[in-house]
Amino acid sequence: MTPPTRREQADARRAQLVKVTLDLFVERGIEHVTIAEVATRAGVAPGLLYHYFGNKDGLLSAVFAAADPRDAFAGLAESLSGQPVAVGLREFCVRAAAALEERGDVVRVLFREMLAPETSLPIGMADIQEQVLDNLASYLAERIDAGELRPHDPRAPLRLLISGILVLGVTRQPVEPWVDGFVDAILTGIGAQE
């Protein structure tokens, strides 16, 4: 087996520092964690964190970038094209629940920070949410055009689904038992009028 390259070693070290940082954010909140504390916990000099991330905001951005949920939804609209909306919404819920389970710590940190008077959240987080919504909104727009749904803003029911799923995830409750109820409630509101 060949030893890791310098690039691979640096990438592994960055990933380790991001993980240590996330652990501290979960324990104490973003505002209460310093670069020096991250360095101590990781067993490195603070200068290494500045070298890799520039400052605490760069480190914070790296933590959230590592938990970017867009990959979980990539290609979802295309794979659902032509499928009944109940199938699509259930698949969205399943993927959202899986993404939340994989990234639960980051989501809990995000929620805590959103409630803080002064937040340190990276500006790009709203853009990520909008891209995820846009991906599936195109699928719902297709179902509207097919007459399966009455005309509406397709992003509205997705926001409701995401909100319900996030609340369950933040409170560490399983999402799966709620999926059918969420989907049925949404379809009652946006289903085509007979």
Protein backbone atom coordinates (compact mmCIF):
# COMPACT_ATOMS: atom_id res chain seq x y z
CA MET A 1 0.00 0.00 0.00
CA THR A 2 1.36 3.39 -0.94
CA PRO A 3 1.62 6.03 1.76
CA PRO A 4 -0.78 8.98 1.49
CA THR A 5 0.38 11.97 -0.51
CA ARG A 6 0.92 15.32 1.14
CA ARG A 7 -2.34 16.49 -0.39
CA GLU A 8 -4.21 13.49 1.05
CA GLN A 9 -2.62 14.09 4.45
CA ALA A 10 -3.62 17.77 4.36
CA ASP A 11 -7.18 16.88 3.33
CA ALA A 12 -7.41 14.34 6.15
CA ARG A 13 -6.08 16.88 8.66
CA ARG A 14 -8.59 19.50 7.44
CA ALA A 15 -11.44 16.99 7.81
CA GLN A 16 -10.26 16.14 11.33
CA LEU A 17 -10.15 19.83 12.28
CA VAL A 18 -13.65 20.37 10.88
CA LYS A 19 -14.94 17.40 12.92
CA VAL A 20 -13.29 18.65 16.12
CA THR A 21 -14.73 22.11 15.50
CA LEU A 22 -18.23 20.73 14.96
CA ASP A 23 -17.98 18.72 18.18
CA LEU A 24 -17.08 21.88 20.10
CA PHE A 25 -19.85 23.90 18.41
CA VAL A 26 -22.36 21.23 19.43
CA GLU A 27 -21.09 21.22 23.01
CA ARG A 28 -20.84 24.97 23.55
CA GLY A 29 -22.21 26.99 20.62
CA ILE A 30 -20.29 28.83 17.95
CA GLU A 31 -19.73 32.07 19.86
CA HIS A 32 -18.19 30.27 22.84
CA VAL A 33 -15.54 28.36 20.89
CA THR A 34 -12.14 29.84 20.05
CA ILE A 35 -9.49 28.85 17.54
CA ALA A 36 -7.17 28.12 20.47
CA GLU A 37 -9.68 25.66 21.95
CA VAL A 38 -10.11 23.88 18.64
CA ALA A 39 -6.33 23.62 18.31
CA THR A 40 -5.97 22.25 21.84
CA ARG A 41 -8.71 19.65 21.33
CA ALA A 42 -7.20 18.64 17.97
CA GLY A 43 -3.66 18.53 19.33
CA VAL A 44 -2.29 21.04 16.81
CA ALA A 45 -0.88 24.54 16.91
CA PRO A 46 -3.42 27.35 16.39
CA GLY A 47 -1.37 28.49 13.41
CA LEU A 48 -2.40 25.37 11.49
CA LEU A 49 -6.06 26.38 11.76
CA TYR A 50 -5.23 29.86 10.50
CA HIS A 51 -3.19 28.31 7.69
CA TYR A 52 -6.04 26.06 6.53
CA PHE A 53 -9.04 28.27 7.24
CA GLY A 54 -7.84 31.87 7.59
CA ASN A 55 -9.94 32.70 10.65
CA LYS A 56 -12.88 31.46 12.70
CA ASP A 57 -15.37 32.46 10.00
CA GLY A 58 -13.41 30.39 7.47
CA LEU A 59 -13.48 27.45 9.87
CA LEU A 60 -17.22 27.92 10.39
CA SER A 61 -17.76 27.97 6.63
CA ALA A 62 -15.76 24.75 6.30
CA VAL A 63 -17.92 23.06 8.95
CA PHE A 64 -21.10 23.97 7.09
CA ALA A 65 -19.61 23.16 3.67
CA ALA A 66 -18.77 19.66 4.90
CA ALA A 67 -22.45 19.18 5.77
CA ASP A 68 -23.83 20.64 2.52
CA PRO A 69 -27.11 18.79 1.84
CA ARG A 70 -27.30 19.51 -1.89
CA ASP A 71 -25.73 16.18 -2.83
CA ALA A 72 -28.60 14.33 -1.12
CA PHE A 73 -31.08 15.99 -3.49
CA ALA A 74 -29.00 16.15 -6.65
CA GLY A 75 -30.89 14.70 -9.56
CA LEU A 76 -34.04 14.10 -7.51
CA ALA A 77 -36.33 16.08 -9.81
CA GLU A 78 -35.00 14.27 -12.88
CA SER A 79 -35.35 10.83 -11.30
CA LEU A 80 -38.95 11.59 -10.31
CA SER A 81 -40.01 13.03 -13.65
CA GLY A 82 -43.38 11.55 -14.60
CA GLN A 83 -43.89 9.90 -11.19
CA PRO A 84 -47.07 10.64 -9.20
CA VAL A 85 -46.63 13.48 -6.75
CA ALA A 86 -47.24 11.25 -3.71
CA VAL A 87 -44.22 9.18 -4.76
CA GLY A 88 -42.13 12.32 -5.24
CA LEU A 89 -43.01 13.90 -1.92
CA ARG A 90 -42.37 10.66 -0.05
CA GLU A 91 -38.98 10.29 -1.75
CA PHE A 92 -38.19 13.90 -0.84
CA CYS A 93 -39.07 13.16 2.81
CA VAL A 94 -36.94 10.01 2.83
CA ARG A 95 -33.95 11.84 1.38
CA ALA A 96 -34.43 14.80 3.71
CA ALA A 97 -34.60 12.47 6.73
CA ALA A 98 -31.43 10.67 5.62
CA ALA A 99 -29.61 13.96 5.03
CA LEU A 100 -30.73 15.18 8.43
CA GLU A 101 -29.60 11.99 10.14
CA GLU A 102 -26.16 12.26 8.54
CA ARG A 103 -25.86 15.94 9.41
CA GLY A 104 -27.86 16.14 12.64
CA ASP A 105 -25.16 17.85 14.68
CA VAL A 106 -24.75 20.60 12.10
CA VAL A 107 -28.51 21.11 11.92
CA ARG A 108 -28.74 21.46 15.69
CA VAL A 109 -25.90 24.01 15.65
CA LEU A 110 -27.71 25.89 12.86
CA PHE A 111 -30.94 25.99 14.84
CA ARG A 112 -29.18 27.22 17.95
CA GLU A 113 -27.43 29.94 15.97
CA MET A 114 -30.59 31.03 14.16
CA LEU A 115 -32.14 31.73 17.56
CA ALA A 116 -29.12 33.68 18.80
CA PRO A 117 -29.41 37.49 18.85
CA GLU A 118 -26.25 37.87 16.77
CA THR A 119 -25.59 34.97 14.46
CA SER A 120 -22.34 33.82 12.90
CA LEU A 121 -23.95 31.75 10.18
CA PRO A 122 -22.32 31.81 6.78
CA ILE A 123 -24.32 33.86 4.29
CA GLY A 124 -24.34 30.99 1.79
CA MET A 125 -26.58 28.79 3.96
CA ALA A 126 -29.75 30.47 2.65
CA ASP A 127 -28.52 29.93 -0.91
CA ILE A 128 -28.09 26.21 -0.26
CA GLN A 129 -31.67 25.92 1.02
CA GLU A 130 -32.96 27.79 -2.03
CA GLN A 131 -31.08 25.48 -4.40
CA VAL A 132 -32.53 22.39 -2.71
CA LEU A 133 -36.02 23.90 -2.94
CA ASP A 134 -35.54 24.89 -6.59
CA ASN A 135 -34.51 21.33 -7.46
CA LEU A 136 -37.75 19.76 -6.31
CA ALA A 137 -39.98 22.74 -7.11
CA SER A 138 -39.35 22.02 -10.78
CA TYR A 139 -40.77 18.52 -10.25
CA LEU A 140 -43.90 19.90 -8.55
CA ALA A 141 -44.28 22.44 -11.37
CA GLU A 142 -44.26 19.49 -13.80
CA ARG A 143 -47.03 17.82 -11.80
CA ILE A 144 -49.03 21.09 -11.86
CA ASP A 145 -48.65 21.21 -15.65
CA ALA A 146 -49.82 17.58 -15.82
CA GLY A 147 -52.99 18.53 -13.92
CA GLU A 148 -52.15 16.37 -10.92
CA LEU A 149 -51.92 19.42 -8.65
CA ARG A 150 -53.83 22.66 -8.62
CA PRO A 151 -51.79 25.76 -9.51
CA HIS A 152 -49.75 27.03 -6.55
CA ASP A 153 -46.25 28.14 -5.61
CA PRO A 154 -44.48 24.76 -5.59
CA ARG A 155 -41.93 25.97 -3.04
CA ALA A 156 -44.59 26.52 -0.33
CA PRO A 157 -45.38 22.84 0.37
CA LEU A 158 -41.68 22.01 0.26
CA ARG A 159 -40.99 24.60 2.94
CA LEU A 160 -43.72 23.02 5.08
CA LEU A 161 -42.21 19.57 4.62
CA ILE A 162 -38.70 20.80 5.40
CA SER A 163 -39.94 22.62 8.52
CA GLY A 164 -41.66 19.53 9.87
CA ILE A 165 -38.69 17.31 9.13
CA LEU A 166 -36.24 19.76 10.69
CA VAL A 167 -38.25 20.10 13.89
CA LEU A 168 -38.33 16.32 14.25
CA GLY A 169 -34.61 16.08 13.55
CA VAL A 170 -33.61 18.83 15.95
CA THR A 171 -35.67 17.20 18.68
CA ARG A 172 -34.13 13.82 17.77
CA GLN A 173 -37.42 12.20 16.82
CA PRO A 174 -37.67 9.74 13.93
CA VAL A 175 -39.07 11.20 10.71
CA GLU A 176 -40.30 7.99 9.09
CA PRO A 177 -43.49 7.58 11.17
CA TRP A 178 -44.60 11.06 10.06
CA VAL A 179 -43.89 10.84 6.32
CA ASP A 180 -47.30 9.54 5.23
CA GLY A 181 -49.11 12.11 7.38
CA PHE A 182 -46.97 14.96 6.06
CA VAL A 183 -47.50 13.90 2.45
CA ASP A 184 -51.25 13.35 2.91
CA ALA A 185 -51.66 16.77 4.54
CA ILE A 186 -49.72 18.48 1.75
CA LEU A 187 -51.67 16.66 -0.96
CA THR A 188 -54.97 17.62 0.69
CA GLY A 189 -53.95 21.24 0.29
CA ILE A 190 -52.46 21.19 -3.21
CA GLY A 191 -54.20 18.27 -4.90
CA ALA A 192 -56.14 18.92 -8.10
CA GLN A 193 -59.73 19.95 -7.56
CA GLU A 194 -62.13 17.26 -8.79
